[in-house]
Amino acid sequence: MFNFNQNLLGQVSQKNAHQLCANLVAFINANGGIHKWALQLNKNAFTANNTLFGGVNAKGTLWQPMLKAQQTQNSVAGAILWACVNGANITALSNAPKKVTCPKATLKYINGVTIPKQAKAIPLSQIQAISQLSGSSILANAGSANGCRQNALCAILMGSFSYIAKHTYGTNFASLVPIK
């Protein structure tokens, strides 16, 4: 199994990304589940020009949907990625419907779309709750030959949702940390 706490440059490909995601899900499930783990951004996540995850508003990058969510409030993937950065609004989530298809509605369940000065550990349970609003999951896509599609946790740990973002694919932007 790959160590998701180190860069995976040269180790992630279109052909094995789904297996790496499956390994990550297996690790989480075998080690207490999502309630025992948090995601904490590392120094790779913070980039120049007040952006995250390599910046560059190009196809396949993680910053592209985040910028869209920030500017037009019209990106479910962006809202989920912002939840990975800033966490979920637990109070609002307790009253959320089971499924929200409108990206603008998803944004009210997260703690903002601003880049923090310092990374904090975001419980996986919060990221999962935001993901599930749109039908996504941090425990899904393990069997998908399409890599990390719709799994923000895997995308952050592997550098992108898609191999198209070749300049960030394999860059580890965060680590899993145990919740104390």
C-alpha atoms as a PDB file:
ATOM      1  CA  MET A   1       0.000   0.000   0.000  1.00  0.00           C
ATOM      2  CA  PHE A   2       1.161   3.520  -0.784  1.00  0.00           C
ATOM      3  CA  ASN A   3       1.968   5.924   2.002  1.00  0.00           C
ATOM      4  CA  PHE A   4      -0.548   8.733   1.498  1.00  0.00           C
ATOM      5  CA  ASN A   5       1.471  10.968   3.827  1.00  0.00           C
ATOM      6  CA  GLN A   6       4.224  11.433   1.247  1.00  0.00           C
ATOM      7  CA  ASN A   7       4.304  12.600  -2.343  1.00  0.00           C
ATOM      8  CA  LEU A   8       3.298   9.992  -4.869  1.00  0.00           C
ATOM      9  CA  LEU A   9       4.989  11.632  -7.847  1.00  0.00           C
ATOM     10  CA  GLY A  10       5.612   9.053 -10.530  1.00  0.00           C
ATOM     11  CA  GLN A  11       3.520   6.474  -8.660  1.00  0.00           C
ATOM     12  CA  VAL A  12      -0.012   7.594  -9.594  1.00  0.00           C
ATOM     13  CA  SER A  13      -1.322   6.921 -13.071  1.00  0.00           C
ATOM     14  CA  GLN A  14      -4.629   6.737 -14.855  1.00  0.00           C
ATOM     15  CA  LYS A  15      -4.373   2.957 -14.596  1.00  0.00           C
ATOM     16  CA  ASN A  16      -3.778   2.690 -10.847  1.00  0.00           C
ATOM     17  CA  ALA A  17      -5.534   5.721  -9.310  1.00  0.00           C
ATOM     18  CA  HIS A  18      -8.721   3.742  -8.670  1.00  0.00           C
ATOM     19  CA  GLN A  19      -6.719   1.011  -6.903  1.00  0.00           C
ATOM     20  CA  LEU A  20      -4.943   3.604  -4.756  1.00  0.00           C
ATOM     21  CA  CYS A  21      -8.333   5.026  -3.845  1.00  0.00           C
ATOM     22  CA  ALA A  22      -9.546   1.516  -2.949  1.00  0.00           C
ATOM     23  CA  ASN A  23      -6.458   1.059  -0.757  1.00  0.00           C
ATOM     24  CA  LEU A  24      -7.168   4.328   1.015  1.00  0.00           C
ATOM     25  CA  VAL A  25     -10.796   3.385   1.676  1.00  0.00           C
ATOM     26  CA  ALA A  26      -9.686  -0.031   2.977  1.00  0.00           C
ATOM     27  CA  PHE A  27      -7.164   1.643   5.281  1.00  0.00           C
ATOM     28  CA  ILE A  28      -9.785   4.021   6.709  1.00  0.00           C
ATOM     29  CA  ASN A  29     -12.305   1.214   7.237  1.00  0.00           C
ATOM     30  CA  ALA A  30      -9.713  -1.095   8.820  1.00  0.00           C
ATOM     31  CA  ASN A  31      -8.511   1.608  11.201  1.00  0.00           C
ATOM     32  CA  GLY A  32     -11.651   2.803  12.918  1.00  0.00           C
ATOM     33  CA  GLY A  33     -13.589   4.392  10.059  1.00  0.00           C
ATOM     34  CA  ILE A  34     -14.139   8.018   9.151  1.00  0.00           C
ATOM     35  CA  HIS A  35     -14.853   9.087  12.739  1.00  0.00           C
ATOM     36  CA  LYS A  36     -11.256   8.290  13.755  1.00  0.00           C
ATOM     37  CA  TRP A  37      -9.475  10.286  11.042  1.00  0.00           C
ATOM     38  CA  ALA A  38      -9.073  13.855   9.831  1.00  0.00           C
ATOM     39  CA  LEU A  39      -7.541  15.478   6.769  1.00  0.00           C
ATOM     40  CA  GLN A  40      -4.863  18.102   7.322  1.00  0.00           C
ATOM     41  CA  LEU A  41      -3.408  20.118   4.480  1.00  0.00           C
ATOM     42  CA  ASN A  42       0.375  20.185   4.185  1.00  0.00           C
ATOM     43  CA  LYS A  43       2.739  22.815   2.743  1.00  0.00           C
ATOM     44  CA  ASN A  44       2.170  21.482  -0.801  1.00  0.00           C
ATOM     45  CA  ALA A  45      -1.447  22.648  -0.619  1.00  0.00           C
ATOM     46  CA  PHE A  46      -0.631  26.330  -0.168  1.00  0.00           C
ATOM     47  CA  THR A  47       0.547  27.953  -3.367  1.00  0.00           C
ATOM     48  CA  ALA A  48       1.405  31.447  -4.548  1.00  0.00           C
ATOM     49  CA  ASN A  49      -1.093  34.139  -5.448  1.00  0.00           C
ATOM     50  CA  ASN A  50      -3.529  33.170  -2.689  1.00  0.00           C
ATOM     51  CA  THR A  51      -4.503  29.835  -4.267  1.00  0.00           C
ATOM     52  CA  LEU A  52      -4.507  26.208  -3.187  1.00  0.00           C
ATOM     53  CA  PHE A  53      -3.485  22.879  -4.728  1.00  0.00           C
ATOM     54  CA  GLY A  54      -1.147  24.205  -7.396  1.00  0.00           C
ATOM     55  CA  GLY A  55      -3.329  27.150  -8.356  1.00  0.00           C
ATOM     56  CA  VAL A  56      -3.712  27.281 -12.127  1.00  0.00           C
ATOM     57  CA  ASN A  57      -7.296  27.494 -13.261  1.00  0.00           C
ATOM     58  CA  ALA A  58      -6.788  24.712 -15.801  1.00  0.00           C
ATOM     59  CA  LYS A  59      -8.817  21.616 -16.618  1.00  0.00           C
ATOM     60  CA  GLY A  60      -8.247  18.830 -14.120  1.00  0.00           C
ATOM     61  CA  THR A  61      -6.744  20.952 -11.341  1.00  0.00           C
ATOM     62  CA  LEU A  62      -8.355  21.043  -7.926  1.00  0.00           C
ATOM     63  CA  TRP A  63      -8.269  24.834  -7.810  1.00  0.00           C
ATOM     64  CA  GLN A  64     -10.549  25.140 -10.864  1.00  0.00           C
ATOM     65  CA  PRO A  65     -13.794  23.995  -9.150  1.00  0.00           C
ATOM     66  CA  MET A  66     -12.782  25.786  -5.936  1.00  0.00           C
ATOM     67  CA  LEU A  67     -12.371  29.078  -7.781  1.00  0.00           C
ATOM     68  CA  LYS A  68     -15.714  28.501  -9.503  1.00  0.00           C
ATOM     69  CA  ALA A  69     -17.393  27.895  -6.136  1.00  0.00           C
ATOM     70  CA  GLN A  70     -15.704  30.981  -4.730  1.00  0.00           C
ATOM     71  CA  GLN A  71     -16.628  33.285  -7.617  1.00  0.00           C
ATOM     72  CA  THR A  72     -19.936  32.015  -8.998  1.00  0.00           C
ATOM     73  CA  GLN A  73     -21.068  29.644  -6.235  1.00  0.00           C
ATOM     74  CA  ASN A  74     -21.773  27.047  -8.899  1.00  0.00           C
ATOM     75  CA  SER A  75     -19.597  23.996  -8.226  1.00  0.00           C
ATOM     76  CA  VAL A  76     -20.483  21.038  -6.041  1.00  0.00           C
ATOM     77  CA  ALA A  77     -16.933  19.656  -6.375  1.00  0.00           C
ATOM     78  CA  GLY A  78     -15.609  23.061  -5.353  1.00  0.00           C
ATOM     79  CA  ALA A  79     -17.868  23.151  -2.286  1.00  0.00           C
ATOM     80  CA  ILE A  80     -16.664  19.682  -1.245  1.00  0.00           C
ATOM     81  CA  LEU A  81     -13.034  20.729  -1.704  1.00  0.00           C
ATOM     82  CA  TRP A  82     -13.660  23.862   0.386  1.00  0.00           C
ATOM     83  CA  ALA A  83     -15.112  21.591   3.093  1.00  0.00           C
ATOM     84  CA  CYS A  84     -11.811  19.672   3.002  1.00  0.00           C
ATOM     85  CA  VAL A  85     -10.021  22.966   3.672  1.00  0.00           C
ATOM     86  CA  ASN A  86     -12.341  24.728   6.144  1.00  0.00           C
ATOM     87  CA  GLY A  87     -14.681  22.036   7.452  1.00  0.00           C
ATOM     88  CA  ALA A  88     -18.444  21.806   7.608  1.00  0.00           C
ATOM     89  CA  ASN A  89     -20.979  23.970   9.385  1.00  0.00           C
ATOM     90  CA  ILE A  90     -22.233  21.313  11.807  1.00  0.00           C
ATOM     91  CA  THR A  91     -25.260  23.353  12.908  1.00  0.00           C
ATOM     92  CA  ALA A  92     -26.460  23.899   9.340  1.00  0.00           C
ATOM     93  CA  LEU A  93     -25.718  20.269   8.423  1.00  0.00           C
ATOM     94  CA  SER A  94     -27.934  18.982  11.223  1.00  0.00           C
ATOM     95  CA  ASN A  95     -30.907  20.530   9.392  1.00  0.00           C
ATOM     96  CA  ALA A  96     -29.778  19.664   5.854  1.00  0.00           C
ATOM     97  CA  PRO A  97     -31.900  17.551   3.537  1.00  0.00           C
ATOM     98  CA  LYS A  98     -30.546  14.134   2.606  1.00  0.00           C
ATOM     99  CA  LYS A  99     -29.585  15.324  -0.872  1.00  0.00           C
ATOM    100  CA  VAL A 100     -28.841  18.761  -2.319  1.00  0.00           C
ATOM    101  CA  THR A 101     -28.331  19.054  -6.040  1.00  0.00           C
ATOM    102  CA  CYS A 102     -27.931  22.820  -6.212  1.00  0.00           C
ATOM    103  CA  PRO A 103     -24.288  23.893  -5.808  1.00  0.00           C
ATOM    104  CA  LYS A 104     -25.296  27.214  -4.235  1.00  0.00           C
ATOM    105  CA  ALA A 105     -27.237  25.345  -1.551  1.00  0.00           C
ATOM    106  CA  THR A 106     -24.240  23.129  -0.768  1.00  0.00           C
ATOM    107  CA  LEU A 107     -22.113  26.169   0.083  1.00  0.00           C
ATOM    108  CA  LYS A 108     -24.240  27.068   3.106  1.00  0.00           C
ATOM    109  CA  TYR A 109     -23.141  23.821   4.762  1.00  0.00           C
ATOM    110  CA  ILE A 110     -19.416  24.613   4.726  1.00  0.00           C
ATOM    111  CA  ASN A 111     -17.309  27.011   6.792  1.00  0.00           C
ATOM    112  CA  GLY A 112     -16.447  29.386   3.985  1.00  0.00           C
ATOM    113  CA  VAL A 113     -14.468  29.722   0.784  1.00  0.00           C
ATOM    114  CA  THR A 114     -11.407  31.562   2.023  1.00  0.00           C
ATOM    115  CA  ILE A 115      -7.898  30.227   2.288  1.00  0.00           C
ATOM    116  CA  PRO A 116      -6.922  29.752   5.917  1.00  0.00           C
ATOM    117  CA  LYS A 117      -3.696  31.193   7.266  1.00  0.00           C
ATOM    118  CA  GLN A 118      -2.924  27.841   8.872  1.00  0.00           C
ATOM    119  CA  ALA A 119      -4.138  24.339   8.104  1.00  0.00           C
ATOM    120  CA  LYS A 120      -6.320  22.598  10.641  1.00  0.00           C
ATOM    121  CA  ALA A 121      -7.396  18.988  10.843  1.00  0.00           C
ATOM    122  CA  ILE A 122     -10.842  18.519   9.263  1.00  0.00           C
ATOM    123  CA  PRO A 123     -12.678  15.385  10.459  1.00  0.00           C
ATOM    124  CA  LEU A 124     -13.412  12.982   7.603  1.00  0.00           C
ATOM    125  CA  SER A 125     -16.967  12.697   8.935  1.00  0.00           C
ATOM    126  CA  GLN A 126     -17.534  16.375   8.032  1.00  0.00           C
ATOM    127  CA  ILE A 127     -16.120  15.900   4.539  1.00  0.00           C
ATOM    128  CA  GLN A 128     -18.266  12.792   4.092  1.00  0.00           C
ATOM    129  CA  ALA A 129     -21.411  14.641   5.211  1.00  0.00           C
ATOM    130  CA  ILE A 130     -20.822  17.398   2.632  1.00  0.00           C
ATOM    131  CA  SER A 131     -19.970  14.834  -0.059  1.00  0.00           C
ATOM    132  CA  GLN A 132     -23.139  12.860   0.580  1.00  0.00           C
ATOM    133  CA  LEU A 133     -25.329  15.904  -0.049  1.00  0.00           C
ATOM    134  CA  SER A 134     -24.554  15.530  -3.757  1.00  0.00           C
ATOM    135  CA  GLY A 135     -24.442  11.739  -3.817  1.00  0.00           C
ATOM    136  CA  SER A 136     -20.643  11.593  -3.658  1.00  0.00           C
ATOM    137  CA  SER A 137     -18.605   9.845  -0.985  1.00  0.00           C
ATOM    138  CA  ILE A 138     -15.078   9.752   0.362  1.00  0.00           C
ATOM    139  CA  LEU A 139     -15.565   5.992   0.582  1.00  0.00           C
ATOM    140  CA  ALA A 140     -16.571   5.598  -3.054  1.00  0.00           C
ATOM    141  CA  ASN A 141     -15.053   5.246  -6.492  1.00  0.00           C
ATOM    142  CA  ALA A 142     -12.766   2.508  -5.233  1.00  0.00           C
ATOM    143  CA  GLY A 143     -13.847   0.284  -8.087  1.00  0.00           C
ATOM    144  CA  SER A 144     -13.969   2.977 -10.733  1.00  0.00           C
ATOM    145  CA  ALA A 145     -11.443   2.716 -13.504  1.00  0.00           C
ATOM    146  CA  ASN A 146     -11.841   6.486 -13.887  1.00  0.00           C
ATOM    147  CA  GLY A 147      -9.543   7.228 -10.961  1.00  0.00           C
ATOM    148  CA  CYS A 148     -10.593   9.709  -8.299  1.00  0.00           C
ATOM    149  CA  ARG A 149     -13.725  11.120  -9.885  1.00  0.00           C
ATOM    150  CA  GLN A 150     -16.090  12.475  -7.262  1.00  0.00           C
ATOM    151  CA  ASN A 151     -13.883  11.522  -4.331  1.00  0.00           C
ATOM    152  CA  ALA A 152     -12.366  14.731  -2.999  1.00  0.00           C
ATOM    153  CA  LEU A 153     -10.340  12.961  -0.320  1.00  0.00           C
ATOM    154  CA  CYS A 154      -8.542  10.761  -2.853  1.00  0.00           C
ATOM    155  CA  ALA A 155      -8.118  13.712  -5.190  1.00  0.00           C
ATOM    156  CA  ILE A 156      -6.398  15.809  -2.506  1.00  0.00           C
ATOM    157  CA  LEU A 157      -4.160  12.941  -1.446  1.00  0.00           C
ATOM    158  CA  MET A 158      -3.249  12.118  -5.077  1.00  0.00           C
ATOM    159  CA  GLY A 159      -3.085  15.613  -6.564  1.00  0.00           C
ATOM    160  CA  SER A 160      -6.152  15.786  -8.807  1.00  0.00           C
ATOM    161  CA  PHE A 161      -9.513  14.340  -9.764  1.00  0.00           C
ATOM    162  CA  SER A 162      -8.020  13.463 -13.122  1.00  0.00           C
ATOM    163  CA  TYR A 163      -4.763  12.490 -14.739  1.00  0.00           C
ATOM    164  CA  ILE A 164      -5.352  15.441 -17.084  1.00  0.00           C
ATOM    165  CA  ALA A 165      -3.730  17.672 -14.439  1.00  0.00           C
ATOM    166  CA  LYS A 166      -0.318  16.182 -15.068  1.00  0.00           C
ATOM    167  CA  HIS A 167       1.497  18.999 -13.255  1.00  0.00           C
ATOM    168  CA  THR A 168      -0.155  18.088  -9.911  1.00  0.00           C
ATOM    169  CA  TYR A 169      -1.001  14.382 -10.315  1.00  0.00           C
ATOM    170  CA  GLY A 170       0.953  12.509  -7.668  1.00  0.00           C
ATOM    171  CA  THR A 171       1.395  15.572  -5.444  1.00  0.00           C
ATOM    172  CA  ASN A 172       0.176  14.886  -1.951  1.00  0.00           C
ATOM    173  CA  PHE A 173      -1.607  18.008  -0.673  1.00  0.00           C
ATOM    174  CA  ALA A 174      -2.584  16.664   2.748  1.00  0.00           C
ATOM    175  CA  SER A 175      -2.168  13.882   5.266  1.00  0.00           C
ATOM    176  CA  LEU A 176      -4.556  11.720   7.197  1.00  0.00           C
ATOM    177  CA  VAL A 177      -4.171  12.369  10.910  1.00  0.00           C
ATOM    178  CA  PRO A 178      -5.843  10.511  13.765  1.00  0.00           C
ATOM    179  CA  ILE A 179      -8.482  12.422  15.691  1.00  0.00           C
ATOM    180  CA  LYS A 180      -7.406  12.767  19.289  1.00  0.00           C
END
